[in-house]
């Protein structure tokens, strides 16, 4: 079946999509750790940060612009929110398709882990 997030992008696997454009798809996390927990993925499959190349700069920029749009749409701008990118198993990355977590809706402690 391949990459879970690629399958969500291709609509082969259901997800609660909250935003999409020509470059990105954002959907609710199935195991949220905050009242608002949305994942944003690029349509292009990139396994993680370590796999990025110079050619991916535009894709990553689009990913963060989409994150800002979703945060606004979800009403998180007034109180703030956290963006998280995990890279590799030891960092907690369970799906190896680069993605940004948007966390908000409650106070978030620091350090996070």
C-alpha atoms as a PDB file:
ATOM      1  CA  UNK A   1       0.000   0.000   0.000  1.00  0.00           C
ATOM      2  CA  UNK A   2       3.007   2.320   0.294  1.00  0.00           C
ATOM      3  CA  UNK A   3       3.259   5.578   2.199  1.00  0.00           C
ATOM      4  CA  UNK A   4       0.248   6.346   4.401  1.00  0.00           C
ATOM      5  CA  UNK A   5       0.427  10.083   3.756  1.00  0.00           C
ATOM      6  CA  UNK A   6       0.785   9.587  -0.016  1.00  0.00           C
ATOM      7  CA  UNK A   7      -2.345   7.449   0.160  1.00  0.00           C
ATOM      8  CA  UNK A   8      -4.175  10.216   2.041  1.00  0.00           C
ATOM      9  CA  UNK A   9      -3.026  12.762  -0.562  1.00  0.00           C
ATOM     10  CA  UNK A  10      -4.275  10.437  -3.314  1.00  0.00           C
ATOM     11  CA  UNK A  11      -7.559   9.914  -1.404  1.00  0.00           C
ATOM     12  CA  UNK A  12      -6.962   6.154  -1.176  1.00  0.00           C
ATOM     13  CA  UNK A  13      -7.148   6.383   2.630  1.00  0.00           C
ATOM     14  CA  UNK A  14      -9.789   8.509   4.366  1.00  0.00           C
ATOM     15  CA  UNK A  15      -8.799  11.482   6.490  1.00  0.00           C
ATOM     16  CA  UNK A  16     -10.509  14.569   7.854  1.00  0.00           C
ATOM     17  CA  UNK A  17      -9.018  17.076   5.446  1.00  0.00           C
ATOM     18  CA  UNK A  18      -9.207  20.680   6.685  1.00  0.00           C
ATOM     19  CA  UNK A  19      -7.214  22.371   3.916  1.00  0.00           C
ATOM     20  CA  UNK A  20      -5.686  21.543   0.581  1.00  0.00           C
ATOM     21  CA  UNK A  21      -4.149  23.350  -2.330  1.00  0.00           C
ATOM     22  CA  UNK A  22      -2.100  22.354  -5.356  1.00  0.00           C
ATOM     23  CA  UNK A  23       0.976  21.662  -3.200  1.00  0.00           C
ATOM     24  CA  UNK A  24      -0.194  20.563   0.241  1.00  0.00           C
ATOM     25  CA  UNK A  25      -2.868  18.656   2.152  1.00  0.00           C
ATOM     26  CA  UNK A  26      -3.750  19.258   5.818  1.00  0.00           C
ATOM     27  CA  UNK A  27      -5.760  16.817   7.913  1.00  0.00           C
ATOM     28  CA  UNK A  28      -6.592  16.127  11.560  1.00  0.00           C
ATOM     29  CA  UNK A  29      -4.258  13.802  13.458  1.00  0.00           C
ATOM     30  CA  UNK A  30      -5.980  10.563  14.465  1.00  0.00           C
ATOM     31  CA  UNK A  31      -4.221  10.679  17.878  1.00  0.00           C
ATOM     32  CA  UNK A  32      -4.306  14.355  18.812  1.00  0.00           C
ATOM     33  CA  UNK A  33      -2.118  15.651  21.642  1.00  0.00           C
ATOM     34  CA  UNK A  34      -3.780  19.079  21.738  1.00  0.00           C
ATOM     35  CA  UNK A  35      -7.319  20.355  21.113  1.00  0.00           C
ATOM     36  CA  UNK A  36      -6.141  21.346  17.638  1.00  0.00           C
ATOM     37  CA  UNK A  37      -3.689  18.896  16.054  1.00  0.00           C
ATOM     38  CA  UNK A  38      -3.413  19.077  12.288  1.00  0.00           C
ATOM     39  CA  UNK A  39      -0.789  17.513  10.024  1.00  0.00           C
ATOM     40  CA  UNK A  40       0.290  19.286   6.848  1.00  0.00           C
ATOM     41  CA  UNK A  41       2.048  17.282   4.162  1.00  0.00           C
ATOM     42  CA  UNK A  42       3.421  18.194   0.772  1.00  0.00           C
ATOM     43  CA  UNK A  43       1.854  16.337  -2.137  1.00  0.00           C
ATOM     44  CA  UNK A  44       5.404  15.446  -3.167  1.00  0.00           C
ATOM     45  CA  UNK A  45       6.802  12.507  -1.227  1.00  0.00           C
ATOM     46  CA  UNK A  46       9.900  13.505   0.732  1.00  0.00           C
ATOM     47  CA  UNK A  47      10.839  11.019   3.485  1.00  0.00           C
ATOM     48  CA  UNK A  48      12.122  13.602   5.970  1.00  0.00           C
ATOM     49  CA  UNK A  49      14.359  16.590   6.596  1.00  0.00           C
ATOM     50  CA  UNK A  50      17.515  14.562   5.943  1.00  0.00           C
ATOM     51  CA  UNK A  51      16.206  13.766   2.455  1.00  0.00           C
ATOM     52  CA  UNK A  52      15.728  17.425   1.475  1.00  0.00           C
ATOM     53  CA  UNK A  53      17.641  18.809  -1.462  1.00  0.00           C
ATOM     54  CA  UNK A  54      18.048  22.271  -2.906  1.00  0.00           C
ATOM     55  CA  UNK A  55      15.191  21.466  -5.290  1.00  0.00           C
ATOM     56  CA  UNK A  56      12.818  21.099  -2.317  1.00  0.00           C
ATOM     57  CA  UNK A  57      13.159  24.682  -1.059  1.00  0.00           C
ATOM     58  CA  UNK A  58       9.949  25.839  -2.740  1.00  0.00           C
ATOM     59  CA  UNK A  59       8.033  22.786  -1.495  1.00  0.00           C
ATOM     60  CA  UNK A  60       9.096  23.424   2.109  1.00  0.00           C
ATOM     61  CA  UNK A  61       8.206  27.100   1.827  1.00  0.00           C
ATOM     62  CA  UNK A  62       4.752  26.138   0.549  1.00  0.00           C
ATOM     63  CA  UNK A  63       4.379  23.724   3.468  1.00  0.00           C
ATOM     64  CA  UNK A  64       4.971  26.501   6.019  1.00  0.00           C
ATOM     65  CA  UNK A  65       2.724  28.977   4.211  1.00  0.00           C
ATOM     66  CA  UNK A  66      -0.016  26.342   4.288  1.00  0.00           C
ATOM     67  CA  UNK A  67       0.641  25.899   8.031  1.00  0.00           C
ATOM     68  CA  UNK A  68       0.031  29.617   8.572  1.00  0.00           C
ATOM     69  CA  UNK A  69      -3.213  29.423   6.583  1.00  0.00           C
ATOM     70  CA  UNK A  70      -4.430  26.427   8.587  1.00  0.00           C
ATOM     71  CA  UNK A  71      -3.524  28.101  11.897  1.00  0.00           C
ATOM     72  CA  UNK A  72      -5.576  31.119  10.846  1.00  0.00           C
ATOM     73  CA  UNK A  73      -8.470  28.941   9.667  1.00  0.00           C
ATOM     74  CA  UNK A  74      -8.419  27.018  12.979  1.00  0.00           C
ATOM     75  CA  UNK A  75      -8.485  30.233  15.033  1.00  0.00           C
ATOM     76  CA  UNK A  76      -5.044  29.737  16.575  1.00  0.00           C
ATOM     77  CA  UNK A  77      -3.414  33.065  15.725  1.00  0.00           C
ATOM     78  CA  UNK A  78      -4.668  35.060  18.730  1.00  0.00           C
ATOM     79  CA  UNK A  79      -3.135  32.799  21.403  1.00  0.00           C
ATOM     80  CA  UNK A  80      -0.358  31.151  19.392  1.00  0.00           C
ATOM     81  CA  UNK A  81       0.446  27.664  18.267  1.00  0.00           C
ATOM     82  CA  UNK A  82       3.369  25.316  17.827  1.00  0.00           C
ATOM     83  CA  UNK A  83       4.768  23.879  14.605  1.00  0.00           C
ATOM     84  CA  UNK A  84       6.664  20.597  14.994  1.00  0.00           C
ATOM     85  CA  UNK A  85       8.718  18.652  12.465  1.00  0.00           C
ATOM     86  CA  UNK A  86      10.148  15.309  13.583  1.00  0.00           C
ATOM     87  CA  UNK A  87      12.970  13.720  11.586  1.00  0.00           C
ATOM     88  CA  UNK A  88      13.750  10.062  12.126  1.00  0.00           C
ATOM     89  CA  UNK A  89      12.580   7.325  14.423  1.00  0.00           C
ATOM     90  CA  UNK A  90      14.397   8.625  17.538  1.00  0.00           C
ATOM     91  CA  UNK A  91      12.606  11.961  17.115  1.00  0.00           C
ATOM     92  CA  UNK A  92       9.207  10.268  16.971  1.00  0.00           C
ATOM     93  CA  UNK A  93       8.646  10.295  13.212  1.00  0.00           C
ATOM     94  CA  UNK A  94       6.336   7.343  12.562  1.00  0.00           C
ATOM     95  CA  UNK A  95       5.388   8.101   8.951  1.00  0.00           C
ATOM     96  CA  UNK A  96       8.385   8.807   6.748  1.00  0.00           C
ATOM     97  CA  UNK A  97       6.817  11.534   4.620  1.00  0.00           C
ATOM     98  CA  UNK A  98       7.877  15.000   5.774  1.00  0.00           C
ATOM     99  CA  UNK A  99       5.088  16.775   7.615  1.00  0.00           C
ATOM    100  CA  UNK A 100       4.410  19.626  10.001  1.00  0.00           C
ATOM    101  CA  UNK A 101       2.263  19.221  13.106  1.00  0.00           C
ATOM    102  CA  UNK A 102       0.197  22.270  14.088  1.00  0.00           C
ATOM    103  CA  UNK A 103      -0.594  22.123  17.799  1.00  0.00           C
ATOM    104  CA  UNK A 104      -2.796  24.630  19.578  1.00  0.00           C
ATOM    105  CA  UNK A 105      -5.862  25.284  21.629  1.00  0.00           C
ATOM    106  CA  UNK A 106      -4.097  24.966  25.007  1.00  0.00           C
ATOM    107  CA  UNK A 107      -0.929  26.163  26.694  1.00  0.00           C
ATOM    108  CA  UNK A 108       2.027  24.112  25.478  1.00  0.00           C
ATOM    109  CA  UNK A 109       4.870  23.411  27.922  1.00  0.00           C
ATOM    110  CA  UNK A 110       8.561  23.821  27.166  1.00  0.00           C
ATOM    111  CA  UNK A 111      10.693  21.829  26.760  1.00  0.00           C
ATOM    112  CA  UNK A 112       8.336  19.627  24.780  1.00  0.00           C
ATOM    113  CA  UNK A 113       9.805  16.183  25.232  1.00  0.00           C
END
